[in-house]
N, C-alpha and C. Protein backbone atom coordinates (compact mmCIF):
# COMPACT_ATOMS: atom_id res chain seq x y z
N MET A 1 0.85 -1.20 -0.02
CA MET A 1 -0.03 0.00 0.00
C MET A 1 0.87 1.24 0.00
N ARG A 2 0.58 2.20 -0.89
CA ARG A 2 1.44 3.40 -0.94
C ARG A 2 0.94 4.33 0.23
N LYS A 3 1.87 4.69 1.05
CA LYS A 3 1.54 5.44 2.29
C LYS A 3 0.71 6.68 1.98
N SER A 4 1.05 7.43 0.95
CA SER A 4 0.33 8.69 0.71
C SER A 4 -0.95 8.48 -0.12
N GLY A 5 -1.14 7.29 -0.64
CA GLY A 5 -2.26 7.06 -1.45
C GLY A 5 -3.48 6.38 -0.76
N GLU A 6 -3.32 5.16 -0.36
CA GLU A 6 -4.45 4.38 0.11
C GLU A 6 -4.79 4.48 1.62
N ALA A 7 -3.81 4.97 2.39
CA ALA A 7 -4.08 4.98 3.86
C ALA A 7 -5.36 5.71 4.27
N PRO A 8 -5.52 6.97 3.85
CA PRO A 8 -6.72 7.68 4.30
C PRO A 8 -8.06 6.99 3.81
N VAL A 9 -8.02 6.56 2.56
CA VAL A 9 -9.28 5.90 2.07
C VAL A 9 -9.57 4.58 2.66
N LEU A 10 -8.56 3.81 3.05
CA LEU A 10 -8.75 2.56 3.74
C LEU A 10 -9.39 2.79 5.12
N LEU A 11 -8.84 3.76 5.79
CA LEU A 11 -9.33 4.07 7.12
C LEU A 11 -10.88 4.54 7.08
N ARG A 12 -11.09 5.36 6.11
CA ARG A 12 -12.47 5.85 5.86
C ARG A 12 -13.42 4.69 5.51
N LEU A 13 -12.92 3.76 4.68
CA LEU A 13 -13.69 2.56 4.27
C LEU A 13 -14.11 1.80 5.49
N ALA A 14 -13.20 1.60 6.45
CA ALA A 14 -13.50 0.85 7.61
C ALA A 14 -14.62 1.46 8.43
N PHE A 15 -14.55 2.81 8.57
CA PHE A 15 -15.58 3.47 9.37
C PHE A 15 -16.89 3.41 8.67
N HIS A 16 -16.95 3.63 7.37
CA HIS A 16 -18.26 3.66 6.67
C HIS A 16 -18.82 2.29 6.55
N ASP A 17 -18.02 1.20 6.64
CA ASP A 17 -18.56 -0.14 6.69
C ASP A 17 -19.21 -0.45 8.00
N ALA A 18 -18.59 0.02 9.10
CA ALA A 18 -19.06 -0.36 10.42
C ALA A 18 -20.09 0.52 10.99
N ALA A 19 -20.08 1.82 10.63
CA ALA A 19 -20.90 2.78 11.34
C ALA A 19 -22.41 2.75 10.99
N THR A 20 -22.82 1.78 10.17
CA THR A 20 -24.24 1.59 9.83
C THR A 20 -24.90 0.79 10.97
N HIS A 21 -24.18 0.31 11.96
CA HIS A 21 -24.76 -0.53 13.03
C HIS A 21 -25.74 0.32 13.89
N ARG A 22 -26.81 -0.30 14.28
CA ARG A 22 -27.74 0.23 15.16
C ARG A 22 -28.04 -0.76 16.31
N VAL A 23 -27.83 -0.37 17.54
CA VAL A 23 -28.08 -1.28 18.64
C VAL A 23 -29.57 -1.65 18.71
N SER A 24 -30.45 -0.64 18.43
CA SER A 24 -31.88 -0.94 18.55
C SER A 24 -32.36 -2.03 17.67
N GLY A 25 -31.86 -2.07 16.50
CA GLY A 25 -32.31 -3.08 15.53
C GLY A 25 -31.39 -4.28 15.46
N GLY A 26 -30.19 -4.16 16.02
CA GLY A 26 -29.25 -5.24 16.01
C GLY A 26 -28.77 -5.58 14.61
N ASP A 27 -28.78 -4.57 13.71
CA ASP A 27 -28.39 -4.84 12.35
C ASP A 27 -27.30 -3.83 11.90
N GLY A 28 -26.82 -4.03 10.69
CA GLY A 28 -25.69 -3.21 10.24
C GLY A 28 -24.42 -3.51 10.84
N GLY A 29 -23.37 -2.75 10.52
CA GLY A 29 -22.07 -2.93 11.18
C GLY A 29 -21.02 -3.46 10.23
N ALA A 30 -19.97 -4.04 10.89
CA ALA A 30 -18.80 -4.42 10.15
C ALA A 30 -18.95 -5.79 9.40
N ASN A 31 -19.52 -5.67 8.23
CA ASN A 31 -19.91 -6.88 7.52
C ASN A 31 -19.65 -6.80 6.02
N ALA A 32 -18.82 -5.90 5.57
CA ALA A 32 -18.48 -5.77 4.18
C ALA A 32 -19.68 -5.37 3.25
N SER A 33 -20.76 -4.97 3.90
CA SER A 33 -21.84 -4.49 3.06
C SER A 33 -21.56 -3.30 2.24
N ILE A 34 -20.49 -2.59 2.59
CA ILE A 34 -20.05 -1.34 1.90
C ILE A 34 -19.93 -1.61 0.40
N GLN A 35 -19.60 -2.93 0.02
CA GLN A 35 -19.39 -3.20 -1.44
C GLN A 35 -20.66 -3.05 -2.18
N TYR A 36 -21.83 -2.99 -1.58
CA TYR A 36 -23.10 -2.74 -2.28
C TYR A 36 -23.59 -1.36 -2.14
N GLU A 37 -22.76 -0.48 -1.53
CA GLU A 37 -23.29 0.91 -1.13
C GLU A 37 -22.47 2.03 -1.71
N PHE A 38 -21.61 1.67 -2.69
CA PHE A 38 -20.75 2.75 -3.27
C PHE A 38 -21.46 3.86 -3.99
N GLU A 39 -22.71 3.62 -4.45
CA GLU A 39 -23.43 4.68 -5.16
C GLU A 39 -24.05 5.67 -4.22
N ARG A 40 -24.03 5.39 -2.94
CA ARG A 40 -24.53 6.36 -1.98
C ARG A 40 -23.57 7.64 -1.90
N PRO A 41 -24.15 8.80 -1.84
CA PRO A 41 -23.28 10.00 -1.89
C PRO A 41 -22.22 10.01 -0.75
N GLU A 42 -22.57 9.51 0.38
CA GLU A 42 -21.60 9.55 1.52
C GLU A 42 -20.40 8.61 1.29
N ASN A 43 -20.53 7.71 0.32
CA ASN A 43 -19.43 6.78 0.06
C ASN A 43 -18.66 7.06 -1.19
N THR A 44 -18.83 8.27 -1.70
CA THR A 44 -18.03 8.73 -2.93
C THR A 44 -16.52 8.59 -2.66
N GLY A 45 -15.89 7.92 -3.60
CA GLY A 45 -14.40 7.85 -3.50
C GLY A 45 -13.90 6.50 -2.81
N LEU A 46 -14.85 5.75 -2.22
CA LEU A 46 -14.38 4.60 -1.46
C LEU A 46 -14.12 3.35 -2.37
N LYS A 47 -14.54 3.37 -3.61
CA LYS A 47 -14.25 2.30 -4.43
C LYS A 47 -12.69 2.05 -4.62
N ARG A 48 -11.92 3.11 -4.51
CA ARG A 48 -10.47 2.96 -4.55
C ARG A 48 -9.93 2.10 -3.47
N GLY A 49 -10.53 2.28 -2.19
CA GLY A 49 -10.09 1.46 -1.13
C GLY A 49 -10.60 0.02 -1.27
N TRP A 50 -11.82 -0.13 -1.90
CA TRP A 50 -12.31 -1.46 -2.07
C TRP A 50 -11.48 -2.27 -3.02
N ARG A 51 -10.89 -1.68 -4.03
CA ARG A 51 -10.07 -2.30 -5.01
C ARG A 51 -8.78 -2.85 -4.29
N VAL A 52 -8.29 -2.18 -3.24
CA VAL A 52 -7.21 -2.71 -2.53
C VAL A 52 -7.61 -3.97 -1.79
N ILE A 53 -8.77 -3.98 -1.19
CA ILE A 53 -9.24 -5.20 -0.51
C ILE A 53 -9.43 -6.39 -1.51
N GLU A 54 -9.98 -6.10 -2.66
CA GLU A 54 -10.15 -7.13 -3.66
C GLU A 54 -8.78 -7.70 -4.15
N LYS A 55 -7.77 -6.84 -4.21
CA LYS A 55 -6.48 -7.34 -4.65
C LYS A 55 -5.82 -8.27 -3.50
N VAL A 56 -6.08 -7.88 -2.30
CA VAL A 56 -5.57 -8.72 -1.20
C VAL A 56 -6.30 -10.12 -1.21
N ILE A 57 -7.60 -10.06 -1.42
CA ILE A 57 -8.36 -11.37 -1.48
C ILE A 57 -7.78 -12.19 -2.61
N GLU A 58 -7.48 -11.61 -3.69
CA GLU A 58 -6.95 -12.37 -4.80
C GLU A 58 -5.57 -12.95 -4.42
N ASN A 59 -4.80 -12.20 -3.79
CA ASN A 59 -3.50 -12.66 -3.35
C ASN A 59 -3.47 -13.79 -2.26
N LEU A 60 -4.62 -13.84 -1.57
CA LEU A 60 -4.75 -14.88 -0.54
C LEU A 60 -5.18 -16.24 -1.10
N LYS A 61 -5.56 -16.24 -2.35
CA LYS A 61 -6.01 -17.52 -2.97
C LYS A 61 -4.88 -18.53 -2.98
N GLY A 62 -5.16 -19.75 -2.60
CA GLY A 62 -4.12 -20.76 -2.57
C GLY A 62 -3.31 -20.72 -1.33
N THR A 63 -3.61 -19.83 -0.35
CA THR A 63 -2.89 -19.77 0.86
C THR A 63 -3.79 -20.29 2.00
N PRO A 64 -3.20 -20.56 3.15
CA PRO A 64 -4.04 -21.04 4.30
C PRO A 64 -5.13 -19.96 4.75
N ALA A 65 -4.93 -18.75 4.35
CA ALA A 65 -5.87 -17.72 4.71
C ALA A 65 -7.07 -17.64 3.84
N GLU A 66 -7.13 -18.31 2.65
CA GLU A 66 -8.22 -18.28 1.75
C GLU A 66 -9.42 -18.95 2.44
N GLY A 67 -10.52 -18.24 2.45
CA GLY A 67 -11.75 -18.77 3.00
C GLY A 67 -11.80 -18.59 4.52
N VAL A 68 -10.73 -18.13 5.13
CA VAL A 68 -10.66 -17.90 6.58
C VAL A 68 -10.84 -16.35 6.86
N VAL A 69 -10.11 -15.58 6.18
CA VAL A 69 -10.10 -14.11 6.25
C VAL A 69 -11.20 -13.53 5.33
N SER A 70 -12.24 -12.94 5.85
CA SER A 70 -13.33 -12.41 5.02
C SER A 70 -13.02 -11.05 4.45
N TYR A 71 -13.91 -10.59 3.65
CA TYR A 71 -13.80 -9.20 3.11
C TYR A 71 -14.00 -8.24 4.34
N ALA A 72 -14.91 -8.53 5.17
CA ALA A 72 -15.13 -7.66 6.37
C ALA A 72 -13.95 -7.67 7.27
N ASP A 73 -13.18 -8.73 7.40
CA ASP A 73 -12.02 -8.80 8.22
C ASP A 73 -10.98 -7.87 7.55
N LEU A 74 -10.80 -8.00 6.24
CA LEU A 74 -9.78 -7.22 5.55
C LEU A 74 -10.07 -5.73 5.52
N ILE A 75 -11.31 -5.38 5.52
CA ILE A 75 -11.63 -3.95 5.69
C ILE A 75 -11.18 -3.49 7.01
N ALA A 76 -11.47 -4.18 8.12
CA ALA A 76 -11.02 -3.85 9.42
C ALA A 76 -9.50 -3.81 9.54
N LEU A 77 -8.85 -4.81 9.00
CA LEU A 77 -7.39 -4.94 9.03
C LEU A 77 -6.78 -3.81 8.21
N GLY A 78 -7.39 -3.44 7.06
CA GLY A 78 -6.86 -2.40 6.24
C GLY A 78 -6.85 -1.09 6.90
N GLY A 79 -7.90 -0.75 7.64
CA GLY A 79 -7.98 0.50 8.41
C GLY A 79 -6.90 0.56 9.46
N ALA A 80 -6.68 -0.53 10.17
CA ALA A 80 -5.67 -0.65 11.15
C ALA A 80 -4.31 -0.43 10.60
N TYR A 81 -4.02 -1.15 9.42
CA TYR A 81 -2.74 -1.03 8.81
C TYR A 81 -2.50 0.43 8.37
N ALA A 82 -3.57 1.09 7.84
CA ALA A 82 -3.42 2.49 7.47
C ALA A 82 -2.97 3.34 8.61
N VAL A 83 -3.46 3.08 9.77
CA VAL A 83 -3.01 3.85 10.98
C VAL A 83 -1.51 3.57 11.28
N SER A 84 -1.12 2.27 11.30
CA SER A 84 0.24 1.98 11.72
C SER A 84 1.25 2.39 10.69
N VAL A 85 0.93 2.33 9.42
CA VAL A 85 1.89 2.63 8.37
C VAL A 85 2.11 4.18 8.30
N THR A 86 1.24 4.97 8.87
CA THR A 86 1.35 6.38 8.88
C THR A 86 1.90 6.88 10.20
N GLY A 87 2.35 6.09 11.04
CA GLY A 87 2.95 6.54 12.27
C GLY A 87 2.12 6.35 13.50
N GLY A 88 0.92 5.86 13.41
CA GLY A 88 0.06 5.64 14.51
C GLY A 88 0.29 4.31 15.19
N PRO A 89 -0.54 3.93 16.17
CA PRO A 89 -0.35 2.76 16.92
C PRO A 89 -0.62 1.49 16.11
N VAL A 90 0.01 0.41 16.54
CA VAL A 90 -0.35 -0.90 15.93
C VAL A 90 -1.56 -1.46 16.63
N ILE A 91 -2.56 -1.77 15.87
CA ILE A 91 -3.91 -2.16 16.46
C ILE A 91 -4.10 -3.60 16.12
N ASP A 92 -4.32 -4.45 17.18
CA ASP A 92 -4.57 -5.90 17.02
C ASP A 92 -6.09 -6.12 16.75
N VAL A 93 -6.42 -6.43 15.57
CA VAL A 93 -7.81 -6.61 15.10
C VAL A 93 -8.12 -8.06 14.96
N PRO A 94 -9.12 -8.59 15.72
CA PRO A 94 -9.53 -10.02 15.46
C PRO A 94 -10.12 -10.27 14.16
N ILE A 95 -10.11 -11.54 13.69
CA ILE A 95 -10.75 -11.97 12.49
C ILE A 95 -11.83 -12.95 12.73
N GLY A 96 -12.65 -13.19 11.70
CA GLY A 96 -13.70 -14.14 11.87
C GLY A 96 -15.13 -13.60 11.49
N ARG A 97 -15.15 -12.37 11.01
CA ARG A 97 -16.43 -11.78 10.61
C ARG A 97 -17.02 -12.46 9.39
N ARG A 98 -18.31 -12.56 9.38
CA ARG A 98 -18.99 -13.00 8.15
C ARG A 98 -19.41 -11.88 7.30
N ASP A 99 -19.34 -12.07 6.02
CA ASP A 99 -19.69 -11.02 5.08
C ASP A 99 -21.22 -11.05 4.82
N SER A 100 -21.73 -9.84 4.62
CA SER A 100 -23.16 -9.70 4.31
C SER A 100 -23.37 -9.88 2.82
N ALA A 101 -24.54 -10.36 2.41
CA ALA A 101 -24.80 -10.51 1.01
C ALA A 101 -25.71 -9.37 0.48
N VAL A 102 -26.07 -8.42 1.38
CA VAL A 102 -26.93 -7.34 0.99
C VAL A 102 -26.44 -6.05 1.60
N ALA A 103 -26.96 -4.92 1.10
CA ALA A 103 -26.56 -3.63 1.61
C ALA A 103 -27.22 -3.41 2.96
N ASP A 104 -26.61 -2.60 3.80
CA ASP A 104 -27.20 -2.13 5.01
C ASP A 104 -28.20 -0.99 4.76
N PRO A 105 -29.10 -0.72 5.76
CA PRO A 105 -30.05 0.36 5.49
C PRO A 105 -29.37 1.74 5.29
N THR A 106 -30.07 2.58 4.54
CA THR A 106 -29.52 3.90 4.20
C THR A 106 -29.73 4.90 5.35
N GLY A 107 -28.98 5.98 5.23
CA GLY A 107 -29.23 7.11 6.17
C GLY A 107 -28.63 6.98 7.54
N ARG A 108 -27.65 6.12 7.66
CA ARG A 108 -27.15 5.84 9.09
C ARG A 108 -25.78 6.51 9.39
N LEU A 109 -25.07 6.78 8.34
CA LEU A 109 -23.75 7.43 8.63
C LEU A 109 -23.98 8.88 9.15
N PRO A 110 -23.15 9.36 10.07
CA PRO A 110 -23.28 10.67 10.56
C PRO A 110 -23.01 11.68 9.45
N GLU A 111 -23.91 12.64 9.31
CA GLU A 111 -23.77 13.63 8.25
C GLU A 111 -22.76 14.71 8.71
N GLU A 112 -22.11 15.39 7.75
CA GLU A 112 -21.07 16.35 8.04
C GLU A 112 -21.58 17.60 8.62
N THR A 113 -22.88 17.82 8.65
CA THR A 113 -23.51 19.08 9.10
C THR A 113 -24.17 18.95 10.44
N LEU A 114 -24.02 17.77 11.13
CA LEU A 114 -24.64 17.53 12.38
C LEU A 114 -24.08 18.37 13.50
N SER A 115 -24.94 18.73 14.39
CA SER A 115 -24.45 19.43 15.63
C SER A 115 -23.66 18.37 16.47
N ALA A 116 -22.94 18.90 17.54
CA ALA A 116 -22.22 17.96 18.43
C ALA A 116 -23.24 17.12 19.17
N GLU A 117 -24.36 17.66 19.55
CA GLU A 117 -25.35 16.75 20.26
C GLU A 117 -25.83 15.74 19.36
N ALA A 118 -26.17 16.04 18.10
CA ALA A 118 -26.61 15.06 17.15
C ALA A 118 -25.59 13.98 16.85
N LEU A 119 -24.32 14.42 16.77
CA LEU A 119 -23.25 13.45 16.60
C LEU A 119 -23.21 12.54 17.74
N ARG A 120 -23.31 13.02 18.98
CA ARG A 120 -23.30 12.14 20.15
C ARG A 120 -24.43 11.13 20.11
N LEU A 121 -25.54 11.63 19.76
CA LEU A 121 -26.74 10.72 19.70
C LEU A 121 -26.56 9.64 18.61
N THR A 122 -26.01 10.04 17.45
CA THR A 122 -25.74 9.05 16.45
C THR A 122 -24.80 7.99 16.84
N PHE A 123 -23.70 8.42 17.51
CA PHE A 123 -22.73 7.44 17.99
C PHE A 123 -23.34 6.59 19.08
N ALA A 124 -24.16 7.19 19.95
CA ALA A 124 -24.82 6.39 20.97
C ALA A 124 -25.72 5.28 20.35
N ALA A 125 -26.39 5.63 19.25
CA ALA A 125 -27.22 4.66 18.53
C ALA A 125 -26.40 3.54 18.02
N MET A 126 -25.10 3.80 17.72
CA MET A 126 -24.25 2.75 17.20
C MET A 126 -23.69 1.94 18.36
N GLY A 127 -23.78 2.49 19.59
CA GLY A 127 -23.20 1.74 20.78
C GLY A 127 -21.89 2.39 21.19
N MET A 128 -21.58 3.61 20.75
CA MET A 128 -20.32 4.21 21.06
C MET A 128 -20.55 5.51 21.92
N SER A 129 -19.61 5.65 22.84
CA SER A 129 -19.67 6.83 23.77
C SER A 129 -19.24 8.09 23.14
N SER A 130 -19.44 9.26 23.83
CA SER A 130 -18.93 10.61 23.40
C SER A 130 -17.41 10.59 23.36
N GLN A 131 -16.76 9.92 24.33
CA GLN A 131 -15.31 9.84 24.32
C GLN A 131 -14.85 9.09 23.06
N GLU A 132 -15.51 8.04 22.76
CA GLU A 132 -15.08 7.22 21.55
C GLU A 132 -15.41 7.99 20.31
N LEU A 133 -16.42 8.80 20.27
CA LEU A 133 -16.68 9.72 19.16
C LEU A 133 -15.43 10.67 18.89
N VAL A 134 -14.95 11.24 19.99
CA VAL A 134 -13.85 12.20 19.90
C VAL A 134 -12.66 11.41 19.41
N ALA A 135 -12.42 10.26 20.00
CA ALA A 135 -11.15 9.44 19.68
C ALA A 135 -11.23 9.05 18.20
N LEU A 136 -12.34 8.57 17.74
CA LEU A 136 -12.46 8.09 16.32
C LEU A 136 -12.34 9.32 15.38
N SER A 137 -12.83 10.48 15.86
CA SER A 137 -12.72 11.61 14.93
C SER A 137 -11.29 12.00 14.59
N GLY A 138 -10.36 11.55 15.48
CA GLY A 138 -8.98 11.76 15.22
C GLY A 138 -8.49 11.20 13.93
N ALA A 139 -9.24 10.29 13.41
CA ALA A 139 -8.86 9.68 12.06
C ALA A 139 -8.79 10.81 10.99
N HIS A 140 -9.43 11.92 11.25
CA HIS A 140 -9.42 13.03 10.27
C HIS A 140 -8.05 13.70 10.18
N THR A 141 -7.13 13.29 11.02
CA THR A 141 -5.77 13.80 10.84
C THR A 141 -5.09 13.25 9.58
N LEU A 142 -5.62 12.12 9.04
CA LEU A 142 -5.15 11.68 7.77
C LEU A 142 -6.03 12.22 6.63
N GLY A 143 -5.46 12.48 5.49
CA GLY A 143 -6.20 13.02 4.37
C GLY A 143 -6.05 14.43 4.17
N SER A 144 -6.94 15.08 3.40
CA SER A 144 -6.79 16.45 2.92
C SER A 144 -7.70 17.39 3.70
N LYS A 145 -7.98 17.15 4.97
CA LYS A 145 -8.88 18.00 5.64
C LYS A 145 -8.18 19.28 6.33
N GLY A 146 -6.87 19.31 6.15
CA GLY A 146 -6.13 20.49 6.70
C GLY A 146 -5.54 20.31 8.08
N TYR A 147 -5.56 19.11 8.61
CA TYR A 147 -4.97 18.96 10.00
C TYR A 147 -3.57 18.37 9.88
N GLY A 148 -2.56 19.18 9.94
CA GLY A 148 -1.18 18.69 9.94
C GLY A 148 -0.80 17.95 8.61
N ASP A 149 0.15 17.11 8.73
CA ASP A 149 0.63 16.29 7.57
C ASP A 149 -0.43 15.25 7.17
N PRO A 150 -0.92 15.29 5.98
CA PRO A 150 -2.08 14.42 5.53
C PRO A 150 -1.75 12.97 5.53
N VAL A 151 -0.46 12.57 5.64
CA VAL A 151 -0.14 11.18 5.65
C VAL A 151 0.61 10.83 6.98
N THR A 152 0.40 11.51 7.99
CA THR A 152 0.93 11.24 9.31
C THR A 152 -0.19 11.10 10.34
N PHE A 153 -0.26 9.99 10.98
CA PHE A 153 -1.27 9.76 12.03
C PHE A 153 -0.74 10.27 13.35
N ASP A 154 -1.22 11.43 13.82
CA ASP A 154 -0.82 12.01 15.09
C ASP A 154 -1.94 12.75 15.71
N ASN A 155 -1.64 13.56 16.72
CA ASN A 155 -2.75 14.28 17.43
C ASN A 155 -2.90 15.73 16.94
N ALA A 156 -2.41 16.01 15.73
CA ALA A 156 -2.60 17.29 15.12
C ALA A 156 -4.00 17.76 15.00
N TYR A 157 -4.90 16.79 14.80
CA TYR A 157 -6.34 17.11 14.68
C TYR A 157 -6.81 17.89 15.95
N TYR A 158 -6.40 17.39 17.06
CA TYR A 158 -6.89 17.98 18.33
C TYR A 158 -6.32 19.32 18.64
N THR A 159 -5.05 19.50 18.38
CA THR A 159 -4.41 20.84 18.54
C THR A 159 -5.05 21.83 17.62
N ALA A 160 -5.40 21.38 16.36
CA ALA A 160 -6.07 22.30 15.46
C ALA A 160 -7.47 22.64 15.92
N LEU A 161 -8.20 21.70 16.51
CA LEU A 161 -9.56 21.99 16.94
C LEU A 161 -9.50 23.07 18.07
N LEU A 162 -8.50 23.07 18.85
CA LEU A 162 -8.46 24.07 19.97
C LEU A 162 -8.09 25.42 19.38
N LYS A 163 -7.35 25.45 18.30
CA LYS A 163 -6.99 26.79 17.69
C LYS A 163 -8.05 27.33 16.79
N LYS A 164 -8.92 26.44 16.27
CA LYS A 164 -10.01 26.84 15.32
C LYS A 164 -9.51 27.72 14.14
N PRO A 165 -8.61 27.10 13.35
CA PRO A 165 -8.07 27.86 12.23
C PRO A 165 -9.11 28.23 11.16
N TRP A 166 -10.27 27.55 11.13
CA TRP A 166 -11.30 27.87 10.18
C TRP A 166 -11.96 29.23 10.49
N ASP A 167 -11.68 29.77 11.65
CA ASP A 167 -12.24 31.08 12.00
C ASP A 167 -11.32 32.24 11.76
N ASP A 168 -10.11 31.87 11.14
CA ASP A 168 -9.03 32.91 10.95
C ASP A 168 -9.34 33.69 9.67
N PRO A 169 -9.71 35.04 9.78
CA PRO A 169 -10.04 35.79 8.58
C PRO A 169 -8.84 36.08 7.69
N SER A 170 -7.64 35.90 8.26
CA SER A 170 -6.46 36.18 7.43
C SER A 170 -6.03 34.93 6.55
N ASN A 171 -6.68 33.86 6.77
CA ASN A 171 -6.31 32.61 6.12
C ASN A 171 -7.32 32.41 4.96
N SER A 172 -6.81 32.43 3.77
CA SER A 172 -7.64 32.36 2.60
C SER A 172 -8.21 30.93 2.36
N MET A 173 -7.50 30.00 3.05
CA MET A 173 -7.97 28.57 2.94
C MET A 173 -8.77 28.14 4.17
N ALA A 174 -9.16 29.08 5.01
CA ALA A 174 -9.85 28.73 6.31
C ALA A 174 -11.08 27.87 6.08
N SER A 175 -11.84 28.17 5.04
CA SER A 175 -13.04 27.40 4.73
C SER A 175 -12.82 25.96 4.37
N MET A 176 -11.59 25.63 4.00
CA MET A 176 -11.27 24.30 3.53
C MET A 176 -10.74 23.41 4.60
N ILE A 177 -10.62 23.95 5.81
CA ILE A 177 -10.00 23.19 6.94
C ILE A 177 -11.13 22.47 7.68
N GLY A 178 -11.06 21.17 7.67
CA GLY A 178 -11.99 20.36 8.46
C GLY A 178 -13.38 20.28 7.90
N LEU A 179 -14.22 19.69 8.64
CA LEU A 179 -15.68 19.59 8.33
C LEU A 179 -16.49 20.29 9.34
N PRO A 180 -17.76 20.72 8.98
CA PRO A 180 -18.57 21.32 9.97
C PRO A 180 -18.77 20.51 11.23
N SER A 181 -18.76 19.19 11.04
CA SER A 181 -18.93 18.32 12.22
C SER A 181 -17.71 18.22 13.08
N ASP A 182 -16.54 18.64 12.54
CA ASP A 182 -15.39 18.89 13.38
C ASP A 182 -15.43 20.16 14.17
N HIS A 183 -15.91 21.20 13.45
CA HIS A 183 -15.92 22.54 14.05
C HIS A 183 -16.78 22.64 15.27
N VAL A 184 -17.77 21.86 15.44
CA VAL A 184 -18.73 21.94 16.55
C VAL A 184 -18.16 21.27 17.83
N LEU A 185 -17.20 20.37 17.64
CA LEU A 185 -16.76 19.53 18.85
C LEU A 185 -16.15 20.32 19.91
N PRO A 186 -15.19 21.29 19.63
CA PRO A 186 -14.50 22.01 20.76
C PRO A 186 -15.43 22.90 21.56
N ASP A 187 -16.60 23.18 21.08
CA ASP A 187 -17.49 24.03 21.83
C ASP A 187 -18.57 23.13 22.62
N ASP A 188 -18.42 21.78 22.53
CA ASP A 188 -19.33 20.87 23.20
C ASP A 188 -18.79 20.57 24.57
N PRO A 189 -19.56 20.73 25.67
CA PRO A 189 -19.00 20.51 27.01
C PRO A 189 -18.63 19.04 27.27
N GLU A 190 -19.17 18.08 26.56
CA GLU A 190 -18.71 16.70 26.77
C GLU A 190 -17.47 16.42 25.93
N CYS A 191 -17.32 16.97 24.81
CA CYS A 191 -16.21 16.67 23.92
C CYS A 191 -14.97 17.49 24.27
N ARG A 192 -15.15 18.72 24.72
CA ARG A 192 -13.99 19.61 24.90
C ARG A 192 -12.93 19.04 25.81
N PRO A 193 -13.29 18.46 26.98
CA PRO A 193 -12.23 17.98 27.84
C PRO A 193 -11.45 16.79 27.18
N VAL A 194 -12.08 16.01 26.41
CA VAL A 194 -11.36 14.88 25.70
C VAL A 194 -10.46 15.45 24.68
N ILE A 195 -10.90 16.45 23.97
CA ILE A 195 -10.08 17.09 22.97
C ILE A 195 -8.81 17.62 23.59
N GLU A 196 -9.01 18.37 24.70
CA GLU A 196 -7.88 18.93 25.46
C GLU A 196 -6.86 17.88 25.88
N GLU A 197 -7.38 16.77 26.38
CA GLU A 197 -6.53 15.63 26.79
C GLU A 197 -5.68 15.04 25.62
N TYR A 198 -6.36 14.84 24.56
CA TYR A 198 -5.64 14.24 23.43
C TYR A 198 -4.66 15.28 22.75
N ALA A 199 -4.98 16.57 22.82
CA ALA A 199 -4.05 17.57 22.28
C ALA A 199 -2.76 17.64 23.12
N ALA A 200 -2.90 17.35 24.44
CA ALA A 200 -1.77 17.37 25.34
C ALA A 200 -1.03 16.09 25.46
N ASN A 201 -1.68 14.97 25.03
CA ASN A 201 -1.07 13.63 25.31
C ASN A 201 -1.38 12.76 24.14
N GLN A 202 -0.44 12.74 23.13
CA GLN A 202 -0.63 11.88 21.99
C GLN A 202 -0.70 10.38 22.27
N GLN A 203 0.07 9.97 23.27
CA GLN A 203 0.05 8.55 23.67
C GLN A 203 -1.35 8.09 24.14
N ARG A 204 -1.96 8.95 24.93
CA ARG A 204 -3.31 8.70 25.44
C ARG A 204 -4.21 8.64 24.28
N PHE A 205 -4.09 9.52 23.26
CA PHE A 205 -4.96 9.41 22.11
C PHE A 205 -4.74 8.10 21.36
N PHE A 206 -3.54 7.70 21.21
CA PHE A 206 -3.24 6.39 20.47
C PHE A 206 -3.92 5.30 21.24
N GLN A 207 -3.76 5.25 22.52
CA GLN A 207 -4.33 4.13 23.34
C GLN A 207 -5.87 4.09 23.15
N ASP A 208 -6.52 5.28 23.28
CA ASP A 208 -7.94 5.31 23.24
C ASP A 208 -8.50 5.07 21.81
N PHE A 209 -7.73 5.56 20.80
CA PHE A 209 -8.13 5.33 19.44
C PHE A 209 -8.11 3.84 19.16
N SER A 210 -7.07 3.20 19.56
CA SER A 210 -6.93 1.74 19.36
C SER A 210 -8.07 0.96 19.89
N LYS A 211 -8.47 1.24 21.12
CA LYS A 211 -9.61 0.56 21.79
C LYS A 211 -10.89 0.88 21.05
N ALA A 212 -11.09 2.12 20.63
CA ALA A 212 -12.29 2.55 20.01
C ALA A 212 -12.44 1.96 18.61
N TYR A 213 -11.25 1.84 17.92
CA TYR A 213 -11.24 1.29 16.53
C TYR A 213 -11.63 -0.23 16.64
N VAL A 214 -11.07 -0.94 17.55
CA VAL A 214 -11.34 -2.40 17.67
C VAL A 214 -12.88 -2.56 17.93
N LYS A 215 -13.48 -1.74 18.85
CA LYS A 215 -14.86 -1.81 19.15
C LYS A 215 -15.61 -1.48 17.88
N LEU A 216 -15.29 -0.42 17.22
CA LEU A 216 -15.97 -0.03 15.96
C LEU A 216 -16.06 -1.16 14.95
N THR A 217 -14.96 -1.82 14.78
CA THR A 217 -14.89 -2.80 13.75
C THR A 217 -15.43 -4.18 14.19
N MET A 218 -16.01 -4.22 15.36
CA MET A 218 -16.75 -5.40 15.80
C MET A 218 -18.28 -5.11 15.95
N LEU A 219 -18.67 -3.85 15.68
CA LEU A 219 -20.07 -3.52 15.83
C LEU A 219 -20.95 -4.40 14.90
N GLY A 220 -21.87 -5.07 15.41
CA GLY A 220 -22.87 -5.78 14.57
C GLY A 220 -22.26 -6.94 13.82
N ALA A 221 -20.94 -7.27 14.05
CA ALA A 221 -20.34 -8.33 13.33
C ALA A 221 -20.99 -9.69 13.63
N LYS A 222 -21.16 -10.46 12.65
CA LYS A 222 -21.55 -11.85 12.86
C LYS A 222 -20.31 -12.72 12.61
N TRP A 223 -20.10 -13.66 13.58
CA TRP A 223 -18.78 -14.31 13.57
C TRP A 223 -18.92 -15.74 13.15
N ALA A 224 -17.89 -16.14 12.30
CA ALA A 224 -17.85 -17.47 11.76
C ALA A 224 -17.64 -18.52 12.88
């Protein structure tokens, strides 16, 4: 995998596959249903990550891993690898997920325009806490959202949230930094203390991100 190419899209692919889970219905989640959902607007650009997964599946043919490691497993493993190869923590992801044969329900991924309260409610519906919301949002440090080096996984996302560069009138690129759903987090009383902690302590962020990522990639999973 090219560090500067596939890492951000593979991490995003893992989130979009798993974040369709709903505790109330016991459906959705980390099941490779994303392969049937690429035409949805929120999944624009993710086919590139899926092609990496397909290539790995092809390479596993004829090895002991064929038929053991599923597409859903590889999506979860791919996101974890994207984190480690860009300088983040090594995340131990279990395997054994079963792949879905159908798409998950629509309208479940958090929209970019949600308020902090709505984001917390959406994550709660997935079975994730406010602290886990903030930890997983740190994935935005990868990619072209304007938080530090786009191919380095670190805590630059949190230091930027506290500085609010999108409010700087002297910065002609201010409107391009982050997402509206990022901008609301530092003003939320539940999210702010977590942001401050991660901005001050990158190792704590790495530890909490690893735990939250493993939990995310197990949401709604059906196990072989």
